[in-house]
Amino acid sequence: MSSATIDSKVLMGALERARRASSARSTLPVLTCVRLRSAQKGATLEVQATNLEIFLSLTVPATVEGPFDALVPAKDLHEGIQALPVGEVRLEPVDAAPKGSKEPALMFRASSGPTSMTFKAYGPKDFPPMTTINAEGKERPKPIMLPVDVLRAGLERVIPSAATHDVRPVLQCVCFTFK
């Protein structure tokens, strides 16, 4: 069976960060969700969220018993995990389709000890993919890894110069150039 077991504190940390990247309200329900994905049996779980302006992807340690991929409303899952007892949390998709139905009704269960919660979930096919091609149609280069303190120091020097009004959104941005 497809499932993952993860420490509740690790999961809460990932969900708190992912919630910031998801939309609080959207006409597209998938943008209010976090994507929980495990491609194979192993020791990591991928947590993703996007609001179409930013895309966040975190890999957290977990014991994964089989592959799964589901979208769960970020706010509901975050509040549900907070309500569970501290300790190991088991995450698993649940097929809740009525007998004879051709369409699966995906649900997602989180349980810890004797407490279990079930959430409505969405299939992953509607989740926006992370862009891997740039505007010129070329493949993006590999990511650049920077120490957090170096990035933070650079941003602290530049951000005060960014615009604070919405008249020209491009002036609110920070441009990165790597050589």
Foldseek 3Di string as FASTA:
>chain_A
DWKKKDFLVQVLVLLVVQCVAADPDDPDQLSQWWKWWDPFQDFWIWTWHHHVVDIDIDIDTIGTPGTDIWTFRSVVVSVVSVPADGTMKMKDKDFPDDPPDPDTFIKIWIHDPPDIDITGIDGPPPNDDDDQADPVRDGDDDDDDDDPVVVVVVCVVPQVQADPDVPPVVSNDDDDDDD
